């Protein structure tokens, strides 16, 4: 369980850095497909997920018995968690949006 938590938090952290860190503004593309990729925490989270899964696998931490299926599953987990954490927290704290019915 601790390996999964480390995986999720590291993927979410790297995703946040790639999408929002001001120090990377000069390197972050603004147009084209890569510009879209770096504006979307769900998309970036997916790609970071399979890259981190490969890094874990290479380091001998096998999170899933089958490499390719595990890469897809863990990339999906990374995408979901990165998106949820991105939408739940901001620089000001926890994000709460109340919608009026009617």
C-alpha atoms as a PDB file:
ATOM      1  CA  UNK A   1       0.000   0.000   0.000  1.00  0.00           C
ATOM      2  CA  UNK A   2       2.847   2.403   0.765  1.00  0.00           C
ATOM      3  CA  UNK A   3       4.321   1.851  -2.723  1.00  0.00           C
ATOM      4  CA  UNK A   4       1.046   2.877  -4.344  1.00  0.00           C
ATOM      5  CA  UNK A   5       0.830   5.996  -2.188  1.00  0.00           C
ATOM      6  CA  UNK A   6       4.403   6.954  -3.103  1.00  0.00           C
ATOM      7  CA  UNK A   7       3.569   6.328  -6.758  1.00  0.00           C
ATOM      8  CA  UNK A   8       0.413   8.478  -6.674  1.00  0.00           C
ATOM      9  CA  UNK A   9       1.971  11.377  -4.786  1.00  0.00           C
ATOM     10  CA  UNK A  10       5.121  11.419  -6.908  1.00  0.00           C
ATOM     11  CA  UNK A  11       3.084  11.362 -10.130  1.00  0.00           C
ATOM     12  CA  UNK A  12       0.793  14.137  -8.885  1.00  0.00           C
ATOM     13  CA  UNK A  13       3.770  16.226  -7.780  1.00  0.00           C
ATOM     14  CA  UNK A  14       5.620  15.881 -11.080  1.00  0.00           C
ATOM     15  CA  UNK A  15       2.406  16.649 -12.965  1.00  0.00           C
ATOM     16  CA  UNK A  16       1.881  19.842 -10.961  1.00  0.00           C
ATOM     17  CA  UNK A  17       5.461  20.920 -11.578  1.00  0.00           C
ATOM     18  CA  UNK A  18       5.219  20.319 -15.332  1.00  0.00           C
ATOM     19  CA  UNK A  19       1.841  22.044 -15.657  1.00  0.00           C
ATOM     20  CA  UNK A  20       2.233  25.034 -13.324  1.00  0.00           C
ATOM     21  CA  UNK A  21       5.808  25.706 -12.150  1.00  0.00           C
ATOM     22  CA  UNK A  22       6.768  29.214 -13.235  1.00  0.00           C
ATOM     23  CA  UNK A  23      10.414  28.232 -13.541  1.00  0.00           C
ATOM     24  CA  UNK A  24       9.456  26.051 -16.529  1.00  0.00           C
ATOM     25  CA  UNK A  25       7.537  28.802 -18.377  1.00  0.00           C
ATOM     26  CA  UNK A  26      10.441  29.403 -20.773  1.00  0.00           C
ATOM     27  CA  UNK A  27      10.542  25.688 -21.706  1.00  0.00           C
ATOM     28  CA  UNK A  28       6.814  24.893 -21.673  1.00  0.00           C
ATOM     29  CA  UNK A  29       5.312  24.910 -25.178  1.00  0.00           C
ATOM     30  CA  UNK A  30       2.306  27.197 -25.665  1.00  0.00           C
ATOM     31  CA  UNK A  31       0.983  26.005 -29.028  1.00  0.00           C
ATOM     32  CA  UNK A  32       0.274  22.720 -30.721  1.00  0.00           C
ATOM     33  CA  UNK A  33      -0.304  19.319 -29.209  1.00  0.00           C
ATOM     34  CA  UNK A  34       2.429  19.686 -26.590  1.00  0.00           C
ATOM     35  CA  UNK A  35       0.988  23.022 -25.492  1.00  0.00           C
ATOM     36  CA  UNK A  36      -2.331  21.289 -24.837  1.00  0.00           C
ATOM     37  CA  UNK A  37      -0.585  18.449 -23.036  1.00  0.00           C
ATOM     38  CA  UNK A  38       1.112  20.740 -20.538  1.00  0.00           C
ATOM     39  CA  UNK A  39      -2.121  22.618 -19.756  1.00  0.00           C
ATOM     40  CA  UNK A  40      -4.058  19.482 -18.836  1.00  0.00           C
ATOM     41  CA  UNK A  41      -3.287  17.753 -15.543  1.00  0.00           C
ATOM     42  CA  UNK A  42      -5.259  14.678 -16.643  1.00  0.00           C
ATOM     43  CA  UNK A  43      -3.233  14.241 -19.845  1.00  0.00           C
ATOM     44  CA  UNK A  44       0.112  15.045 -18.270  1.00  0.00           C
ATOM     45  CA  UNK A  45      -0.751  12.777 -15.330  1.00  0.00           C
ATOM     46  CA  UNK A  46      -1.350   9.863 -17.695  1.00  0.00           C
ATOM     47  CA  UNK A  47       2.016  10.242 -19.416  1.00  0.00           C
ATOM     48  CA  UNK A  48       3.853  10.773 -16.137  1.00  0.00           C
ATOM     49  CA  UNK A  49       2.059   7.669 -14.806  1.00  0.00           C
ATOM     50  CA  UNK A  50       3.449   5.252 -17.361  1.00  0.00           C
ATOM     51  CA  UNK A  51       6.907   6.866 -17.211  1.00  0.00           C
ATOM     52  CA  UNK A  52       6.948   6.532 -13.411  1.00  0.00           C
ATOM     53  CA  UNK A  53       5.635   2.969 -13.707  1.00  0.00           C
ATOM     54  CA  UNK A  54       8.576   2.152 -15.996  1.00  0.00           C
ATOM     55  CA  UNK A  55      10.970   3.804 -13.533  1.00  0.00           C
ATOM     56  CA  UNK A  56       9.512   1.778 -10.645  1.00  0.00           C
ATOM     57  CA  UNK A  57       9.743  -1.423 -12.735  1.00  0.00           C
ATOM     58  CA  UNK A  58      13.362  -0.675 -13.680  1.00  0.00           C
ATOM     59  CA  UNK A  59      14.166  -0.085  -9.989  1.00  0.00           C
ATOM     60  CA  UNK A  60      12.755  -3.524  -9.144  1.00  0.00           C
ATOM     61  CA  UNK A  61       9.467  -2.326  -7.650  1.00  0.00           C
ATOM     62  CA  UNK A  62       6.893  -4.393  -9.547  1.00  0.00           C
ATOM     63  CA  UNK A  63       3.487  -2.906  -8.787  1.00  0.00           C
ATOM     64  CA  UNK A  64       1.624  -5.246 -11.156  1.00  0.00           C
ATOM     65  CA  UNK A  65       2.510  -8.731 -12.440  1.00  0.00           C
ATOM     66  CA  UNK A  66       2.199  -7.853 -16.168  1.00  0.00           C
ATOM     67  CA  UNK A  67       4.276  -4.928 -17.437  1.00  0.00           C
ATOM     68  CA  UNK A  68       2.064  -3.529 -20.227  1.00  0.00           C
ATOM     69  CA  UNK A  69      -1.249  -3.983 -18.452  1.00  0.00           C
ATOM     70  CA  UNK A  70       0.242  -2.522 -15.289  1.00  0.00           C
ATOM     71  CA  UNK A  71       1.619   0.471 -17.211  1.00  0.00           C
ATOM     72  CA  UNK A  72      -1.865   1.264 -18.548  1.00  0.00           C
ATOM     73  CA  UNK A  73      -3.600   0.696 -15.202  1.00  0.00           C
ATOM     74  CA  UNK A  74      -1.122   2.794 -13.233  1.00  0.00           C
ATOM     75  CA  UNK A  75      -1.071   5.530 -15.891  1.00  0.00           C
ATOM     76  CA  UNK A  76      -4.857   5.700 -15.535  1.00  0.00           C
ATOM     77  CA  UNK A  77      -4.587   5.850 -11.738  1.00  0.00           C
ATOM     78  CA  UNK A  78      -2.021   8.631 -12.047  1.00  0.00           C
ATOM     79  CA  UNK A  79      -4.233  10.555 -14.470  1.00  0.00           C
ATOM     80  CA  UNK A  80      -7.277  10.336 -12.194  1.00  0.00           C
ATOM     81  CA  UNK A  81      -5.436  11.219  -8.990  1.00  0.00           C
ATOM     82  CA  UNK A  82      -3.486  14.064 -10.617  1.00  0.00           C
ATOM     83  CA  UNK A  83      -6.721  15.561 -11.948  1.00  0.00           C
ATOM     84  CA  UNK A  84      -8.610  15.216  -8.645  1.00  0.00           C
ATOM     85  CA  UNK A  85      -5.749  16.727  -6.647  1.00  0.00           C
ATOM     86  CA  UNK A  86      -5.356  19.536  -9.194  1.00  0.00           C
ATOM     87  CA  UNK A  87      -9.038  20.452  -8.968  1.00  0.00           C
ATOM     88  CA  UNK A  88      -9.194  20.081  -5.157  1.00  0.00           C
ATOM     89  CA  UNK A  89      -6.277  22.313  -4.182  1.00  0.00           C
ATOM     90  CA  UNK A  90      -4.999  25.698  -5.308  1.00  0.00           C
ATOM     91  CA  UNK A  91      -2.282  28.067  -4.122  1.00  0.00           C
ATOM     92  CA  UNK A  92      -4.822  29.523  -1.706  1.00  0.00           C
ATOM     93  CA  UNK A  93      -5.825  26.168  -0.173  1.00  0.00           C
ATOM     94  CA  UNK A  94      -8.718  23.739  -0.580  1.00  0.00           C
ATOM     95  CA  UNK A  95     -11.089  24.583  -3.444  1.00  0.00           C
ATOM     96  CA  UNK A  96     -14.798  24.559  -2.580  1.00  0.00           C
ATOM     97  CA  UNK A  97     -17.305  25.588  -5.234  1.00  0.00           C
ATOM     98  CA  UNK A  98     -20.933  25.981  -4.252  1.00  0.00           C
ATOM     99  CA  UNK A  99     -23.458  26.003  -7.080  1.00  0.00           C
ATOM    100  CA  UNK A 100     -26.866  27.595  -6.747  1.00  0.00           C
ATOM    101  CA  UNK A 101     -29.819  25.439  -7.790  1.00  0.00           C
ATOM    102  CA  UNK A 102     -32.331  27.459  -9.715  1.00  0.00           C
END
